[in-house]
Amino acid sequence: MGGELHPLKYGSYFKNKDELFAIMKAEEEFIIKSSGQNNRRIWIDLYETSLDNEVIENLVLHIKTIRSKIYRLCLVGCSLADRHKIKKKMQSCNVDIAEQVRFFSDPEEAKQWLVG
């Protein structure tokens, strides 16, 4: 499609928070150590992962931590209710990237938006 994506595969963890949080931490460390600022097009896969309040809070804090690296960010595979909860948590945590964030159901549409 003419661009590079950084997929964060946080889907299919169902209710296994320990494994999910461990992979989030590992990805966060990798991204923070990478060169450049505002240069990553990040796609977060959330299909088949239970998004309770604890997971949403950790996800938003994760996004806040890597904020300086994000050019565009999309979250794929969460319900409308979860989208609302994530947006609300982002506002309360002062994650100031509303212009760079989109939510998608279709992975192909997400990819097109990221590299477009």
N, C-alpha and C. Protein backbone atom coordinates (compact mmCIF):
# COMPACT_ATOMS: atom_id res chain seq x y z
N MET A 1 0.81 -1.21 0.00
CA MET A 1 0.00 0.00 0.00
C MET A 1 0.85 1.27 0.00
N GLY A 2 2.14 1.13 0.03
CA GLY A 2 2.99 2.30 -0.06
C GLY A 2 3.37 2.91 1.27
N GLY A 3 3.21 2.20 2.36
CA GLY A 3 3.59 2.74 3.66
C GLY A 3 3.91 1.60 4.61
N GLU A 4 4.46 1.95 5.76
CA GLU A 4 4.80 0.94 6.75
C GLU A 4 3.86 1.02 7.93
N LEU A 5 3.49 -0.14 8.45
CA LEU A 5 2.63 -0.23 9.61
C LEU A 5 3.38 -0.91 10.74
N HIS A 6 3.04 -0.53 11.94
CA HIS A 6 3.56 -1.23 13.12
C HIS A 6 2.36 -1.88 13.79
N PRO A 7 2.13 -3.17 13.51
CA PRO A 7 0.97 -3.83 14.12
C PRO A 7 1.26 -4.24 15.56
N LEU A 8 0.34 -3.92 16.44
CA LEU A 8 0.40 -4.38 17.82
C LEU A 8 -0.72 -5.38 18.00
N LYS A 9 -0.36 -6.63 18.11
CA LYS A 9 -1.34 -7.71 18.13
C LYS A 9 -1.77 -8.01 19.57
N TYR A 10 -2.77 -7.29 20.00
CA TYR A 10 -3.31 -7.46 21.34
C TYR A 10 -4.64 -8.19 21.29
N GLY A 11 -4.94 -8.79 20.16
CA GLY A 11 -6.15 -9.57 20.00
C GLY A 11 -5.94 -11.01 20.42
N SER A 12 -7.05 -11.71 20.65
CA SER A 12 -7.08 -13.13 21.01
C SER A 12 -6.45 -13.43 22.37
N TYR A 13 -6.45 -12.46 23.25
CA TYR A 13 -6.00 -12.71 24.63
C TYR A 13 -7.19 -13.03 25.54
N PHE A 14 -8.39 -12.85 25.00
CA PHE A 14 -9.62 -13.13 25.72
C PHE A 14 -9.57 -12.45 27.09
N LYS A 15 -9.47 -13.20 28.18
CA LYS A 15 -9.42 -12.61 29.53
C LYS A 15 -8.05 -12.78 30.19
N ASN A 16 -7.05 -13.14 29.41
CA ASN A 16 -5.71 -13.37 29.95
C ASN A 16 -4.95 -12.04 30.05
N LYS A 17 -5.20 -11.33 31.11
CA LYS A 17 -4.60 -10.00 31.29
C LYS A 17 -3.10 -10.05 31.51
N ASP A 18 -2.62 -11.05 32.22
CA ASP A 18 -1.18 -11.13 32.50
C ASP A 18 -0.37 -11.20 31.21
N GLU A 19 -0.77 -12.08 30.30
CA GLU A 19 -0.05 -12.19 29.03
C GLU A 19 -0.22 -10.93 28.19
N LEU A 20 -1.42 -10.38 28.18
CA LEU A 20 -1.68 -9.15 27.41
C LEU A 20 -0.80 -8.01 27.93
N PHE A 21 -0.77 -7.80 29.23
CA PHE A 21 0.01 -6.71 29.79
C PHE A 21 1.51 -6.92 29.57
N ALA A 22 1.95 -8.16 29.59
CA ALA A 22 3.37 -8.46 29.34
C ALA A 22 3.75 -8.11 27.91
N ILE A 23 2.91 -8.47 26.94
CA ILE A 23 3.23 -8.14 25.55
C ILE A 23 3.13 -6.64 25.30
N MET A 24 2.20 -5.98 25.95
CA MET A 24 2.09 -4.53 25.83
C MET A 24 3.36 -3.86 26.34
N LYS A 25 3.87 -4.31 27.46
CA LYS A 25 5.10 -3.75 28.04
C LYS A 25 6.29 -3.98 27.12
N ALA A 26 6.39 -5.17 26.55
CA ALA A 26 7.49 -5.48 25.64
C ALA A 26 7.43 -4.60 24.39
N GLU A 27 6.25 -4.43 23.82
CA GLU A 27 6.09 -3.57 22.64
C GLU A 27 6.42 -2.12 22.98
N GLU A 28 5.96 -1.68 24.15
CA GLU A 28 6.22 -0.31 24.59
C GLU A 28 7.72 -0.04 24.68
N GLU A 29 8.45 -0.95 25.29
CA GLU A 29 9.90 -0.80 25.42
C GLU A 29 10.57 -0.74 24.05
N PHE A 30 10.12 -1.60 23.13
CA PHE A 30 10.68 -1.60 21.78
C PHE A 30 10.42 -0.28 21.07
N ILE A 31 9.18 0.20 21.15
CA ILE A 31 8.81 1.44 20.45
C ILE A 31 9.56 2.63 21.04
N ILE A 32 9.63 2.72 22.34
CA ILE A 32 10.31 3.85 23.00
C ILE A 32 11.78 3.90 22.61
N LYS A 33 12.42 2.74 22.47
CA LYS A 33 13.84 2.69 22.11
C LYS A 33 14.09 3.00 20.63
N SER A 34 13.05 2.96 19.82
CA SER A 34 13.22 3.17 18.38
C SER A 34 13.53 4.64 18.09
N SER A 35 14.14 4.88 16.96
CA SER A 35 14.52 6.24 16.59
C SER A 35 13.33 7.02 16.04
N GLY A 36 13.45 8.32 16.08
CA GLY A 36 12.46 9.20 15.48
C GLY A 36 11.32 9.57 16.42
N GLN A 37 10.57 10.58 15.99
CA GLN A 37 9.41 11.08 16.71
C GLN A 37 8.24 11.18 15.73
N ASN A 38 7.04 10.93 16.21
CA ASN A 38 5.84 11.05 15.38
C ASN A 38 5.99 10.37 14.03
N ASN A 39 6.58 9.19 14.01
CA ASN A 39 6.87 8.53 12.74
C ASN A 39 6.26 7.14 12.59
N ARG A 40 5.46 6.73 13.53
CA ARG A 40 4.90 5.37 13.46
C ARG A 40 3.41 5.37 13.16
N ARG A 41 3.05 4.53 12.21
CA ARG A 41 1.65 4.27 11.90
C ARG A 41 1.31 2.96 12.62
N ILE A 42 0.58 3.06 13.70
CA ILE A 42 0.36 1.91 14.58
C ILE A 42 -1.06 1.40 14.44
N TRP A 43 -1.15 0.11 14.30
CA TRP A 43 -2.43 -0.59 14.18
C TRP A 43 -2.54 -1.53 15.37
N ILE A 44 -3.53 -1.31 16.24
CA ILE A 44 -3.73 -2.15 17.42
C ILE A 44 -4.91 -3.08 17.17
N ASP A 45 -4.61 -4.37 17.13
CA ASP A 45 -5.62 -5.42 16.96
C ASP A 45 -6.17 -5.77 18.33
N LEU A 46 -7.49 -5.61 18.50
CA LEU A 46 -8.14 -5.92 19.78
C LEU A 46 -9.21 -7.01 19.66
N TYR A 47 -9.28 -7.66 18.49
CA TYR A 47 -10.26 -8.73 18.30
C TYR A 47 -10.09 -9.80 19.37
N GLU A 48 -11.20 -10.26 19.93
CA GLU A 48 -11.25 -11.37 20.87
C GLU A 48 -10.46 -11.14 22.16
N THR A 49 -10.31 -9.88 22.55
CA THR A 49 -9.72 -9.56 23.84
C THR A 49 -10.78 -8.84 24.66
N SER A 50 -10.99 -9.30 25.86
CA SER A 50 -11.98 -8.69 26.75
C SER A 50 -11.48 -7.33 27.22
N LEU A 51 -12.24 -6.29 26.93
CA LEU A 51 -11.83 -4.93 27.28
C LEU A 51 -12.60 -4.43 28.49
N ASP A 52 -12.20 -4.91 29.66
CA ASP A 52 -12.82 -4.40 30.88
C ASP A 52 -12.11 -3.09 31.27
N ASN A 53 -12.51 -2.50 32.38
CA ASN A 53 -11.95 -1.20 32.77
C ASN A 53 -10.44 -1.25 33.00
N GLU A 54 -9.95 -2.34 33.58
CA GLU A 54 -8.52 -2.46 33.83
C GLU A 54 -7.73 -2.53 32.52
N VAL A 55 -8.23 -3.29 31.56
CA VAL A 55 -7.55 -3.42 30.27
C VAL A 55 -7.59 -2.08 29.54
N ILE A 56 -8.72 -1.41 29.55
CA ILE A 56 -8.82 -0.11 28.88
C ILE A 56 -7.87 0.90 29.51
N GLU A 57 -7.81 0.92 30.83
CA GLU A 57 -6.90 1.85 31.50
C GLU A 57 -5.45 1.56 31.12
N ASN A 58 -5.06 0.29 31.13
CA ASN A 58 -3.69 -0.07 30.75
C ASN A 58 -3.41 0.26 29.29
N LEU A 59 -4.38 0.03 28.43
CA LEU A 59 -4.22 0.34 27.01
C LEU A 59 -4.01 1.84 26.80
N VAL A 60 -4.81 2.65 27.45
CA VAL A 60 -4.70 4.10 27.31
C VAL A 60 -3.38 4.61 27.88
N LEU A 61 -2.96 4.09 29.00
CA LEU A 61 -1.66 4.49 29.56
C LEU A 61 -0.51 4.05 28.65
N HIS A 62 -0.67 2.90 28.02
CA HIS A 62 0.30 2.41 27.04
C HIS A 62 0.39 3.38 25.86
N ILE A 63 -0.75 3.79 25.34
CA ILE A 63 -0.78 4.74 24.23
C ILE A 63 -0.16 6.07 24.66
N LYS A 64 -0.47 6.51 25.85
CA LYS A 64 0.10 7.77 26.36
C LYS A 64 1.63 7.68 26.44
N THR A 65 2.14 6.54 26.85
CA THR A 65 3.59 6.36 26.98
C THR A 65 4.29 6.42 25.63
N ILE A 66 3.66 5.85 24.59
CA ILE A 66 4.30 5.83 23.26
C ILE A 66 3.85 7.01 22.39
N ARG A 67 3.10 7.92 22.95
CA ARG A 67 2.52 9.05 22.22
C ARG A 67 3.52 9.77 21.33
N SER A 68 4.73 9.99 21.80
CA SER A 68 5.72 10.75 21.04
C SER A 68 6.15 10.06 19.75
N LYS A 69 5.86 8.80 19.62
CA LYS A 69 6.25 8.03 18.43
C LYS A 69 5.11 7.90 17.41
N ILE A 70 3.90 8.28 17.78
CA ILE A 70 2.73 8.01 16.96
C ILE A 70 2.49 9.11 15.93
N TYR A 71 2.43 8.68 14.67
CA TYR A 71 1.98 9.57 13.59
C TYR A 71 0.48 9.37 13.38
N ARG A 72 0.09 8.12 13.25
CA ARG A 72 -1.32 7.74 13.16
C ARG A 72 -1.52 6.46 13.95
N LEU A 73 -2.72 6.33 14.51
CA LEU A 73 -3.03 5.17 15.34
C LEU A 73 -4.45 4.72 15.05
N CYS A 74 -4.64 3.43 14.84
CA CYS A 74 -6.01 2.92 14.74
C CYS A 74 -6.16 1.70 15.63
N LEU A 75 -7.35 1.59 16.17
CA LEU A 75 -7.72 0.46 17.00
C LEU A 75 -8.77 -0.32 16.24
N VAL A 76 -8.54 -1.60 16.08
CA VAL A 76 -9.39 -2.44 15.24
C VAL A 76 -9.98 -3.57 16.08
N GLY A 77 -11.29 -3.74 15.98
CA GLY A 77 -11.93 -4.89 16.58
C GLY A 77 -12.56 -4.68 17.93
N CYS A 78 -12.87 -3.45 18.29
CA CYS A 78 -13.56 -3.25 19.57
C CYS A 78 -14.98 -2.75 19.31
N SER A 79 -15.86 -3.04 20.23
CA SER A 79 -17.27 -2.68 20.08
C SER A 79 -17.47 -1.17 20.18
N LEU A 80 -18.65 -0.72 19.80
CA LEU A 80 -18.97 0.71 19.92
C LEU A 80 -18.90 1.16 21.37
N ALA A 81 -19.37 0.35 22.29
CA ALA A 81 -19.32 0.69 23.72
C ALA A 81 -17.87 0.81 24.19
N ASP A 82 -17.02 -0.12 23.73
CA ASP A 82 -15.61 -0.06 24.11
C ASP A 82 -14.91 1.15 23.49
N ARG A 83 -15.26 1.50 22.28
CA ARG A 83 -14.71 2.71 21.65
C ARG A 83 -15.01 3.92 22.51
N HIS A 84 -16.25 4.03 22.95
CA HIS A 84 -16.65 5.15 23.80
C HIS A 84 -15.85 5.17 25.10
N LYS A 85 -15.68 4.01 25.73
CA LYS A 85 -14.93 3.93 26.98
C LYS A 85 -13.47 4.32 26.77
N ILE A 86 -12.89 3.87 25.67
CA ILE A 86 -11.49 4.20 25.37
C ILE A 86 -11.34 5.70 25.14
N LYS A 87 -12.23 6.28 24.35
CA LYS A 87 -12.17 7.73 24.10
C LYS A 87 -12.31 8.52 25.40
N LYS A 88 -13.24 8.10 26.23
CA LYS A 88 -13.47 8.78 27.51
C LYS A 88 -12.23 8.68 28.40
N LYS A 89 -11.63 7.50 28.46
CA LYS A 89 -10.43 7.30 29.27
C LYS A 89 -9.26 8.12 28.70
N MET A 90 -9.17 8.22 27.38
CA MET A 90 -8.12 9.03 26.77
C MET A 90 -8.27 10.50 27.18
N GLN A 91 -9.49 10.99 27.19
CA GLN A 91 -9.74 12.36 27.61
C GLN A 91 -9.35 12.56 29.06
N SER A 92 -9.76 11.65 29.93
CA SER A 92 -9.47 11.81 31.36
C SER A 92 -7.98 11.67 31.68
N CYS A 93 -7.24 10.99 30.81
CA CYS A 93 -5.79 10.81 31.01
C CYS A 93 -4.97 11.81 30.20
N ASN A 94 -5.65 12.77 29.58
CA ASN A 94 -4.98 13.82 28.79
C ASN A 94 -4.11 13.25 27.66
N VAL A 95 -4.64 12.27 26.97
CA VAL A 95 -3.97 11.73 25.79
C VAL A 95 -4.45 12.57 24.62
N ASP A 96 -3.60 13.46 24.17
CA ASP A 96 -3.98 14.52 23.23
C ASP A 96 -3.77 14.16 21.76
N ILE A 97 -4.23 13.01 21.34
CA ILE A 97 -3.99 12.61 19.95
C ILE A 97 -5.29 12.31 19.21
N ALA A 98 -6.33 13.00 19.52
CA ALA A 98 -7.62 12.73 18.89
C ALA A 98 -7.55 12.78 17.36
N GLU A 99 -6.77 13.69 16.82
CA GLU A 99 -6.65 13.81 15.36
C GLU A 99 -5.93 12.62 14.72
N GLN A 100 -5.10 11.95 15.48
CA GLN A 100 -4.31 10.84 14.94
C GLN A 100 -4.93 9.47 15.19
N VAL A 101 -6.10 9.41 15.86
CA VAL A 101 -6.68 8.13 16.25
C VAL A 101 -7.99 7.87 15.51
N ARG A 102 -8.16 6.65 15.02
CA ARG A 102 -9.42 6.21 14.43
C ARG A 102 -9.70 4.79 14.90
N PHE A 103 -10.99 4.45 14.89
CA PHE A 103 -11.45 3.12 15.24
C PHE A 103 -12.05 2.47 14.00
N PHE A 104 -11.76 1.19 13.80
CA PHE A 104 -12.25 0.47 12.63
C PHE A 104 -12.74 -0.91 13.01
N SER A 105 -13.68 -1.42 12.22
CA SER A 105 -14.11 -2.80 12.32
C SER A 105 -13.40 -3.64 11.27
N ASP A 106 -13.14 -3.02 10.12
CA ASP A 106 -12.52 -3.70 8.98
C ASP A 106 -11.01 -3.43 8.95
N PRO A 107 -10.19 -4.47 9.07
CA PRO A 107 -8.74 -4.28 9.07
C PRO A 107 -8.21 -3.63 7.78
N GLU A 108 -8.81 -3.95 6.65
CA GLU A 108 -8.33 -3.36 5.39
C GLU A 108 -8.59 -1.85 5.34
N GLU A 109 -9.73 -1.42 5.83
CA GLU A 109 -10.01 0.02 5.90
C GLU A 109 -9.02 0.71 6.84
N ALA A 110 -8.70 0.05 7.94
CA ALA A 110 -7.74 0.60 8.91
C ALA A 110 -6.39 0.78 8.24
N LYS A 111 -5.93 -0.23 7.52
CA LYS A 111 -4.64 -0.15 6.86
C LYS A 111 -4.61 0.97 5.83
N GLN A 112 -5.68 1.10 5.07
CA GLN A 112 -5.73 2.16 4.06
C GLN A 112 -5.67 3.53 4.70
N TRP A 113 -6.39 3.72 5.81
CA TRP A 113 -6.35 5.02 6.49
C TRP A 113 -4.96 5.30 7.05
N LEU A 114 -4.32 4.30 7.61
CA LEU A 114 -3.00 4.50 8.20
C LEU A 114 -1.97 4.96 7.20
N VAL A 115 -1.97 4.35 6.03
CA VAL A 115 -0.92 4.67 5.05
C VAL A 115 -1.37 5.73 4.04
N GLY A 116 -2.65 6.13 4.11
CA GLY A 116 -3.18 7.11 3.16
C GLY A 116 -2.72 8.51 3.42
